[in-house]
Amino acid sequence: MPLAESPVTIAVGDVQVSGVYARPDNPFATLVVAHGAGAGMEHPFMSGFTRALHDDGVATLRFNFPYREAGRKFPDRPPAAIAAWRAAMDAARSLSEGEPLWAAGKSFGGRMASMAVAEGMPASGLVYLGYPLHPPGKPEKLRDEHLYGLELPMLFLQGTRDTFATPELLEGVVSRVGPNATLHWCEGGDHSFAVAGHKRGAAEIGASLAPPAAAFMRASG
C-alpha cells in the first residue's frame, strides 16, 4: 500500500509554492527533491522516484519552483531558484525529527541545489538525477566551477547517452571534485534515463533510480 502523501505550502519570499511530503516509519534520512526545467513536481518521474524511496526508508519532500507554480515556461534565475531551495530545506527540517537532510534534483533542480549549497545552504549530501554539465552540443560551456568547493557527499546518477553531459567530461569533473563525489552510470540512458528499445514509463524509470540513491545516502551516513 503506497505511503500517504501530504500537501504542503512553502513560502518563498512573498510567493508560495506547492510541495508534497511523505514520511515512512523511522526514516534514516529525508531527501528534498526538485524538478527539472520542463516539468513540475507531479511528473511521474518525480513521483516514481520519491515513492520508491519510501520503501527504502527515506522521507521525501518534492516541491515546485516559483516559475512552475505560476505556470511560466522559463526557469527561474539562480537567485530565485536558490531562495526556493532554502525555503524547501527549511520546510523539510521543520517536518523532520533530526535525521540527515539531503538535497536532490532532476537536471536544473539538482544544479540549483548544488549552487545553493555552494552559497551556504546546509545539506548532508547531494544527489543529481542527470546533472546538466553543459548544453547539448556545447561541451565547451561547462557548468562546473562551483562544484569543486563542495566537500559533502555527492552522487551523480547519469545516463551514458545524456546529451547534457559528455561521459569523458563528466568523469573528469567528478574525478577533480574528489573522493566525496561518486558517479553512477545508467547504461544507455538519455537525459530522461530512457533506454532505447526498453519500454518503461516515467514512473518506473524514476523508481529505478531510488535504490542506488538510497544505498549511497545510507553508506554516507
C-alpha atoms as a PDB file:
ATOM      1  CA  MET A   1       0.000   0.000   0.000  1.00  0.00           C
ATOM      2  CA  PRO A   2       1.523   3.359  -1.019  1.00  0.00           C
ATOM      3  CA  LEU A   3       2.596   5.662   1.772  1.00  0.00           C
ATOM      4  CA  ALA A   4       0.237   8.573   2.403  1.00  0.00           C
ATOM      5  CA  GLU A   5       1.475  11.850   0.927  1.00  0.00           C
ATOM      6  CA  SER A   6       0.627  15.224   2.436  1.00  0.00           C
ATOM      7  CA  PRO A   7       0.410  18.507   0.504  1.00  0.00           C
ATOM      8  CA  VAL A   8       2.448  21.351   1.973  1.00  0.00           C
ATOM      9  CA  THR A   9       2.735  25.038   1.157  1.00  0.00           C
ATOM     10  CA  ILE A  10       6.183  26.639   1.203  1.00  0.00           C
ATOM     11  CA  ALA A  11       6.692  30.400   1.459  1.00  0.00           C
ATOM     12  CA  VAL A  12       9.457  31.702  -0.823  1.00  0.00           C
ATOM     13  CA  GLY A  13       9.698  35.379  -0.065  1.00  0.00           C
ATOM     14  CA  ASP A  14       6.317  36.891  -0.925  1.00  0.00           C
ATOM     15  CA  VAL A  15       5.158  33.933  -3.040  1.00  0.00           C
ATOM     16  CA  GLN A  16       4.077  30.433  -2.128  1.00  0.00           C
ATOM     17  CA  VAL A  17       4.873  27.152  -3.836  1.00  0.00           C
ATOM     18  CA  SER A  18       3.412  23.675  -3.502  1.00  0.00           C
ATOM     19  CA  GLY A  19       5.110  20.626  -2.079  1.00  0.00           C
ATOM     20  CA  VAL A  20       4.321  17.004  -1.282  1.00  0.00           C
ATOM     21  CA  TYR A  21       5.714  15.367   1.859  1.00  0.00           C
ATOM     22  CA  ALA A  22       5.753  11.715   2.848  1.00  0.00           C
ATOM     23  CA  ARG A  23       7.372  10.033   5.827  1.00  0.00           C
ATOM     24  CA  PRO A  24       7.791   6.291   6.370  1.00  0.00           C
ATOM     25  CA  ASP A  25       8.231   4.893   9.867  1.00  0.00           C
ATOM     26  CA  ASN A  26      11.662   5.685  11.326  1.00  0.00           C
ATOM     27  CA  PRO A  27      13.324   7.111   8.190  1.00  0.00           C
ATOM     28  CA  PHE A  28      17.116   7.149   8.188  1.00  0.00           C
ATOM     29  CA  ALA A  29      17.141  10.365   6.109  1.00  0.00           C
ATOM     30  CA  THR A  30      14.936  12.968   4.453  1.00  0.00           C
ATOM     31  CA  LEU A  31      15.534  13.815   0.795  1.00  0.00           C
ATOM     32  CA  VAL A  32      14.224  17.084  -0.664  1.00  0.00           C
ATOM     33  CA  VAL A  33      13.717  16.737  -4.424  1.00  0.00           C
ATOM     34  CA  ALA A  34      13.398  19.455  -7.072  1.00  0.00           C
ATOM     35  CA  HIS A  35      12.076  19.012 -10.600  1.00  0.00           C
ATOM     36  CA  GLY A  36      13.818  19.757 -13.881  1.00  0.00           C
ATOM     37  CA  ALA A  37      13.257  22.738 -16.153  1.00  0.00           C
ATOM     38  CA  GLY A  38      10.482  21.261 -18.256  1.00  0.00           C
ATOM     39  CA  ALA A  39       8.176  19.518 -15.781  1.00  0.00           C
ATOM     40  CA  GLY A  40       6.887  20.074 -12.261  1.00  0.00           C
ATOM     41  CA  MET A  41       6.910  18.016  -9.095  1.00  0.00           C
ATOM     42  CA  GLU A  42       3.875  15.953 -10.171  1.00  0.00           C
ATOM     43  CA  HIS A  43       5.628  14.464 -13.212  1.00  0.00           C
ATOM     44  CA  PRO A  44       5.548  10.645 -12.981  1.00  0.00           C
ATOM     45  CA  PHE A  45       9.351  10.511 -12.967  1.00  0.00           C
ATOM     46  CA  MET A  46       9.393  12.620  -9.796  1.00  0.00           C
ATOM     47  CA  SER A  47       6.612  10.765  -8.006  1.00  0.00           C
ATOM     48  CA  GLY A  48       8.013   7.383  -9.064  1.00  0.00           C
ATOM     49  CA  PHE A  49      11.421   8.276  -7.651  1.00  0.00           C
ATOM     50  CA  THR A  50      10.175   9.588  -4.314  1.00  0.00           C
ATOM     51  CA  ARG A  51       7.613   6.824  -3.746  1.00  0.00           C
ATOM     52  CA  ALA A  52      10.222   4.145  -4.333  1.00  0.00           C
ATOM     53  CA  LEU A  53      12.487   5.871  -1.814  1.00  0.00           C
ATOM     54  CA  HIS A  54       9.844   5.482   0.872  1.00  0.00           C
ATOM     55  CA  ASP A  55      10.251   1.707   0.589  1.00  0.00           C
ATOM     56  CA  ASP A  56      13.966   2.189   1.296  1.00  0.00           C
ATOM     57  CA  GLY A  57      13.371   4.162   4.483  1.00  0.00           C
ATOM     58  CA  VAL A  58      13.708   7.708   3.124  1.00  0.00           C
ATOM     59  CA  ALA A  59      11.251  10.511   3.860  1.00  0.00           C
ATOM     60  CA  THR A  60      10.782  12.888   0.933  1.00  0.00           C
ATOM     61  CA  LEU A  61       9.641  16.395   0.144  1.00  0.00           C
ATOM     62  CA  ARG A  62       9.294  17.312  -3.506  1.00  0.00           C
ATOM     63  CA  PHE A  63       8.405  20.878  -4.443  1.00  0.00           C
ATOM     64  CA  ASN A  64       7.762  23.284  -7.299  1.00  0.00           C
ATOM     65  CA  PHE A  65       9.948  26.234  -8.199  1.00  0.00           C
ATOM     66  CA  PRO A  66       8.069  29.584  -8.334  1.00  0.00           C
ATOM     67  CA  TYR A  67       8.047  29.755 -12.155  1.00  0.00           C
ATOM     68  CA  ARG A  68       6.353  26.378 -12.361  1.00  0.00           C
ATOM     69  CA  GLU A  69       3.850  27.281  -9.681  1.00  0.00           C
ATOM     70  CA  ALA A  70       2.955  30.409 -11.660  1.00  0.00           C
ATOM     71  CA  GLY A  71       2.554  28.468 -14.899  1.00  0.00           C
ATOM     72  CA  ARG A  72       5.553  30.039 -16.615  1.00  0.00           C
ATOM     73  CA  LYS A  73       7.695  28.054 -19.038  1.00  0.00           C
ATOM     74  CA  PHE A  74      11.102  29.583 -18.449  1.00  0.00           C
ATOM     75  CA  PRO A  75      13.001  28.553 -15.306  1.00  0.00           C
ATOM     76  CA  ASP A  76      13.710  30.983 -12.505  1.00  0.00           C
ATOM     77  CA  ARG A  77      17.045  32.735 -12.445  1.00  0.00           C
ATOM     78  CA  PRO A  78      19.504  31.250  -9.913  1.00  0.00           C
ATOM     79  CA  PRO A  79      18.787  33.741  -7.091  1.00  0.00           C
ATOM     80  CA  ALA A  80      15.066  32.881  -7.132  1.00  0.00           C
ATOM     81  CA  ALA A  81      15.710  29.148  -7.515  1.00  0.00           C
ATOM     82  CA  ILE A  82      18.229  29.180  -4.676  1.00  0.00           C
ATOM     83  CA  ALA A  83      15.734  31.038  -2.464  1.00  0.00           C
ATOM     84  CA  ALA A  84      13.174  28.315  -3.226  1.00  0.00           C
ATOM     85  CA  TRP A  85      15.713  25.647  -2.327  1.00  0.00           C
ATOM     86  CA  ARG A  86      16.472  27.283   1.002  1.00  0.00           C
ATOM     87  CA  ALA A  87      12.773  27.554   1.815  1.00  0.00           C
ATOM     88  CA  ALA A  88      12.128  23.920   0.875  1.00  0.00           C
ATOM     89  CA  MET A  89      15.010  22.692   3.018  1.00  0.00           C
ATOM     90  CA  ASP A  90      13.744  24.774   5.944  1.00  0.00           C
ATOM     91  CA  ALA A  91      10.277  23.263   5.483  1.00  0.00           C
ATOM     92  CA  ALA A  92      11.689  19.738   5.408  1.00  0.00           C
ATOM     93  CA  ARG A  93      13.761  20.434   8.505  1.00  0.00           C
ATOM     94  CA  SER A  94      10.655  21.554  10.398  1.00  0.00           C
ATOM     95  CA  LEU A  95       8.887  18.313   9.421  1.00  0.00           C
ATOM     96  CA  SER A  96      11.800  16.031  10.276  1.00  0.00           C
ATOM     97  CA  GLU A  97      12.925  14.604  13.584  1.00  0.00           C
ATOM     98  CA  GLY A  98      16.599  15.395  13.249  1.00  0.00           C
ATOM     99  CA  GLU A  99      17.593  12.778  10.679  1.00  0.00           C
ATOM    100  CA  PRO A 100      20.111  13.761   7.933  1.00  0.00           C
ATOM    101  CA  LEU A 101      18.608  16.151   5.388  1.00  0.00           C
ATOM    102  CA  TRP A 102      19.724  15.640   1.781  1.00  0.00           C
ATOM    103  CA  ALA A 103      19.028  17.583  -1.424  1.00  0.00           C
ATOM    104  CA  ALA A 104      18.367  16.107  -4.870  1.00  0.00           C
ATOM    105  CA  GLY A 105      17.146  17.335  -8.207  1.00  0.00           C
ATOM    106  CA  LYS A 106      16.459  16.418 -11.790  1.00  0.00           C
ATOM    107  CA  SER A 107      18.794  18.348 -14.106  1.00  0.00           C
ATOM    108  CA  PHE A 108      18.112  22.061 -13.428  1.00  0.00           C
ATOM    109  CA  GLY A 109      16.794  21.235  -9.951  1.00  0.00           C
ATOM    110  CA  GLY A 110      19.969  19.412  -8.999  1.00  0.00           C
ATOM    111  CA  ARG A 111      22.218  22.097 -10.397  1.00  0.00           C
ATOM    112  CA  MET A 112      20.334  24.749  -8.412  1.00  0.00           C
ATOM    113  CA  ALA A 113      20.653  22.599  -5.278  1.00  0.00           C
ATOM    114  CA  SER A 114      24.420  22.471  -5.722  1.00  0.00           C
ATOM    115  CA  MET A 115      24.572  26.231  -6.231  1.00  0.00           C
ATOM    116  CA  ALA A 116      22.505  26.757  -3.077  1.00  0.00           C
ATOM    117  CA  VAL A 117      24.915  24.560  -1.114  1.00  0.00           C
ATOM    118  CA  ALA A 118      27.855  26.458  -2.617  1.00  0.00           C
ATOM    119  CA  GLU A 119      26.247  29.613  -1.221  1.00  0.00           C
ATOM    120  CA  GLY A 120      25.935  28.159   2.261  1.00  0.00           C
ATOM    121  CA  MET A 121      22.708  26.124   2.334  1.00  0.00           C
ATOM    122  CA  PRO A 122      23.206  23.266   4.824  1.00  0.00           C
ATOM    123  CA  ALA A 123      22.748  19.727   3.482  1.00  0.00           C
ATOM    124  CA  SER A 124      24.052  16.307   4.426  1.00  0.00           C
ATOM    125  CA  GLY A 125      24.668  15.476   0.767  1.00  0.00           C
ATOM    126  CA  LEU A 126      23.539  15.941  -2.831  1.00  0.00           C
ATOM    127  CA  VAL A 127      22.014  13.540  -5.359  1.00  0.00           C
ATOM    128  CA  TYR A 128      21.974  14.601  -9.023  1.00  0.00           C
ATOM    129  CA  LEU A 129      19.409  12.987 -11.317  1.00  0.00           C
ATOM    130  CA  GLY A 130      21.114  13.815 -14.590  1.00  0.00           C
ATOM    131  CA  TYR A 131      23.475  16.725 -13.920  1.00  0.00           C
ATOM    132  CA  PRO A 132      23.322  19.266 -16.808  1.00  0.00           C
ATOM    133  CA  LEU A 133      27.070  19.709 -17.177  1.00  0.00           C
ATOM    134  CA  HIS A 134      26.750  21.597 -20.464  1.00  0.00           C
ATOM    135  CA  PRO A 135      24.067  22.479 -23.034  1.00  0.00           C
ATOM    136  CA  PRO A 136      23.562  19.771 -25.691  1.00  0.00           C
ATOM    137  CA  GLY A 137      26.198  20.113 -28.386  1.00  0.00           C
ATOM    138  CA  LYS A 138      28.134  22.759 -26.444  1.00  0.00           C
ATOM    139  CA  PRO A 139      30.641  20.855 -24.302  1.00  0.00           C
ATOM    140  CA  GLU A 140      32.811  23.951 -24.040  1.00  0.00           C
ATOM    141  CA  LYS A 141      30.172  25.659 -21.860  1.00  0.00           C
ATOM    142  CA  LEU A 142      30.727  23.721 -18.649  1.00  0.00           C
ATOM    143  CA  ARG A 143      28.654  24.391 -15.530  1.00  0.00           C
ATOM    144  CA  ASP A 144      31.148  23.005 -13.064  1.00  0.00           C
ATOM    145  CA  GLU A 145      33.067  25.805 -11.350  1.00  0.00           C
ATOM    146  CA  HIS A 146      31.042  25.829  -8.124  1.00  0.00           C
ATOM    147  CA  LEU A 147      31.273  22.042  -7.693  1.00  0.00           C
ATOM    148  CA  TYR A 148      34.954  21.950  -6.780  1.00  0.00           C
ATOM    149  CA  GLY A 149      34.485  23.688  -3.455  1.00  0.00           C
ATOM    150  CA  LEU A 150      31.792  21.299  -2.234  1.00  0.00           C
ATOM    151  CA  GLU A 151      33.032  18.797   0.346  1.00  0.00           C
ATOM    152  CA  LEU A 152      29.769  16.990   1.167  1.00  0.00           C
ATOM    153  CA  PRO A 153      28.903  13.563  -0.317  1.00  0.00           C
ATOM    154  CA  MET A 154      27.629  13.835  -3.901  1.00  0.00           C
ATOM    155  CA  LEU A 155      26.115  11.167  -6.130  1.00  0.00           C
ATOM    156  CA  PHE A 156      25.878  11.754  -9.878  1.00  0.00           C
ATOM    157  CA  LEU A 157      23.265   9.438 -11.431  1.00  0.00           C
ATOM    158  CA  GLN A 158      23.746   9.842 -15.173  1.00  0.00           C
ATOM    159  CA  GLY A 159      22.696   8.163 -18.415  1.00  0.00           C
ATOM    160  CA  THR A 160      25.513   7.228 -20.781  1.00  0.00           C
ATOM    161  CA  ARG A 161      23.582   8.814 -23.704  1.00  0.00           C
ATOM    162  CA  ASP A 162      22.767  12.045 -21.878  1.00  0.00           C
ATOM    163  CA  THR A 163      23.470  14.915 -24.294  1.00  0.00           C
ATOM    164  CA  PHE A 164      23.787  17.305 -21.335  1.00  0.00           C
ATOM    165  CA  ALA A 165      26.926  15.556 -20.083  1.00  0.00           C
ATOM    166  CA  THR A 166      29.610  14.105 -22.347  1.00  0.00           C
ATOM    167  CA  PRO A 167      30.805  10.997 -20.435  1.00  0.00           C
ATOM    168  CA  GLU A 168      34.510  11.806 -20.594  1.00  0.00           C
ATOM    169  CA  LEU A 169      33.890  15.376 -19.424  1.00  0.00           C
ATOM    170  CA  LEU A 170      31.691  14.321 -16.515  1.00  0.00           C
ATOM    171  CA  GLU A 171      34.165  11.659 -15.445  1.00  0.00           C
ATOM    172  CA  GLY A 172      36.868  14.321 -15.392  1.00  0.00           C
ATOM    173  CA  VAL A 173      34.743  16.698 -13.332  1.00  0.00           C
ATOM    174  CA  VAL A 174      33.835  14.035 -10.775  1.00  0.00           C
ATOM    175  CA  SER A 175      37.491  12.991 -10.523  1.00  0.00           C
ATOM    176  CA  ARG A 176      38.558  16.582  -9.896  1.00  0.00           C
ATOM    177  CA  VAL A 177      35.846  17.121  -7.275  1.00  0.00           C
ATOM    178  CA  GLY A 178      37.468  14.365  -5.252  1.00  0.00           C
ATOM    179  CA  PRO A 179      36.589  11.257  -3.257  1.00  0.00           C
ATOM    180  CA  ASN A 180      33.373  12.759  -1.864  1.00  0.00           C
ATOM    181  CA  ALA A 181      31.844  12.551  -5.372  1.00  0.00           C
ATOM    182  CA  THR A 182      30.594   9.283  -6.898  1.00  0.00           C
ATOM    183  CA  LEU A 183      29.459   8.717 -10.481  1.00  0.00           C
ATOM    184  CA  HIS A 184      26.864   6.003 -11.169  1.00  0.00           C
ATOM    185  CA  TRP A 185      26.284   5.363 -14.875  1.00  0.00           C
ATOM    186  CA  CYS A 186      22.874   4.213 -16.120  1.00  0.00           C
ATOM    187  CA  GLU A 187      23.799   2.294 -19.264  1.00  0.00           C
ATOM    188  CA  GLY A 188      22.026   3.545 -22.383  1.00  0.00           C
ATOM    189  CA  GLY A 189      20.039   6.195 -20.555  1.00  0.00           C
ATOM    190  CA  ASP A 190      19.332   9.593 -22.112  1.00  0.00           C
ATOM    191  CA  HIS A 191      18.681  12.817 -20.166  1.00  0.00           C
ATOM    192  CA  SER A 192      15.364  11.344 -19.001  1.00  0.00           C
ATOM    193  CA  PHE A 193      17.059   7.980 -18.275  1.00  0.00           C
ATOM    194  CA  ALA A 194      15.033   6.333 -21.032  1.00  0.00           C
ATOM    195  CA  VAL A 195      16.848   3.470 -22.762  1.00  0.00           C
ATOM    196  CA  ALA A 196      16.287   2.826 -26.467  1.00  0.00           C
ATOM    197  CA  GLY A 197      14.412  -0.414 -27.067  1.00  0.00           C
ATOM    198  CA  HIS A 198      13.476  -0.745 -23.393  1.00  0.00           C
ATOM    199  CA  LYS A 199       9.891   0.386 -22.860  1.00  0.00           C
ATOM    200  CA  ARG A 200       9.353   1.807 -19.392  1.00  0.00           C
ATOM    201  CA  GLY A 201       7.032   4.505 -18.140  1.00  0.00           C
ATOM    202  CA  ALA A 202       8.442   7.620 -16.495  1.00  0.00           C
ATOM    203  CA  ALA A 203       7.324   6.453 -13.035  1.00  0.00           C
ATOM    204  CA  GLU A 204       9.167   3.160 -13.443  1.00  0.00           C
ATOM    205  CA  ILE A 205      12.264   4.958 -14.682  1.00  0.00           C
ATOM    206  CA  GLY A 206      12.210   7.284 -11.687  1.00  0.00           C
ATOM    207  CA  ALA A 207      11.699   4.362  -9.316  1.00  0.00           C
ATOM    208  CA  SER A 208      14.729   2.580 -10.791  1.00  0.00           C
ATOM    209  CA  LEU A 209      16.972   5.386  -9.521  1.00  0.00           C
ATOM    210  CA  ALA A 210      15.793   5.088  -5.918  1.00  0.00           C
ATOM    211  CA  PRO A 211      17.881   2.027  -4.888  1.00  0.00           C
ATOM    212  CA  PRO A 212      21.293   3.486  -5.820  1.00  0.00           C
ATOM    213  CA  ALA A 213      20.315   6.838  -4.290  1.00  0.00           C
ATOM    214  CA  ALA A 214      19.177   5.279  -1.021  1.00  0.00           C
ATOM    215  CA  ALA A 215      22.222   2.995  -0.856  1.00  0.00           C
ATOM    216  CA  PHE A 216      24.564   5.963  -1.325  1.00  0.00           C
ATOM    217  CA  MET A 217      22.759   8.009   1.322  1.00  0.00           C
ATOM    218  CA  ARG A 218      22.828   5.133   3.790  1.00  0.00           C
ATOM    219  CA  ALA A 219      26.512   4.441   3.181  1.00  0.00           C
ATOM    220  CA  SER A 220      27.358   8.130   3.586  1.00  0.00           C
ATOM    221  CA  GLY A 221      25.725   8.306   6.970  1.00  0.00           C
END
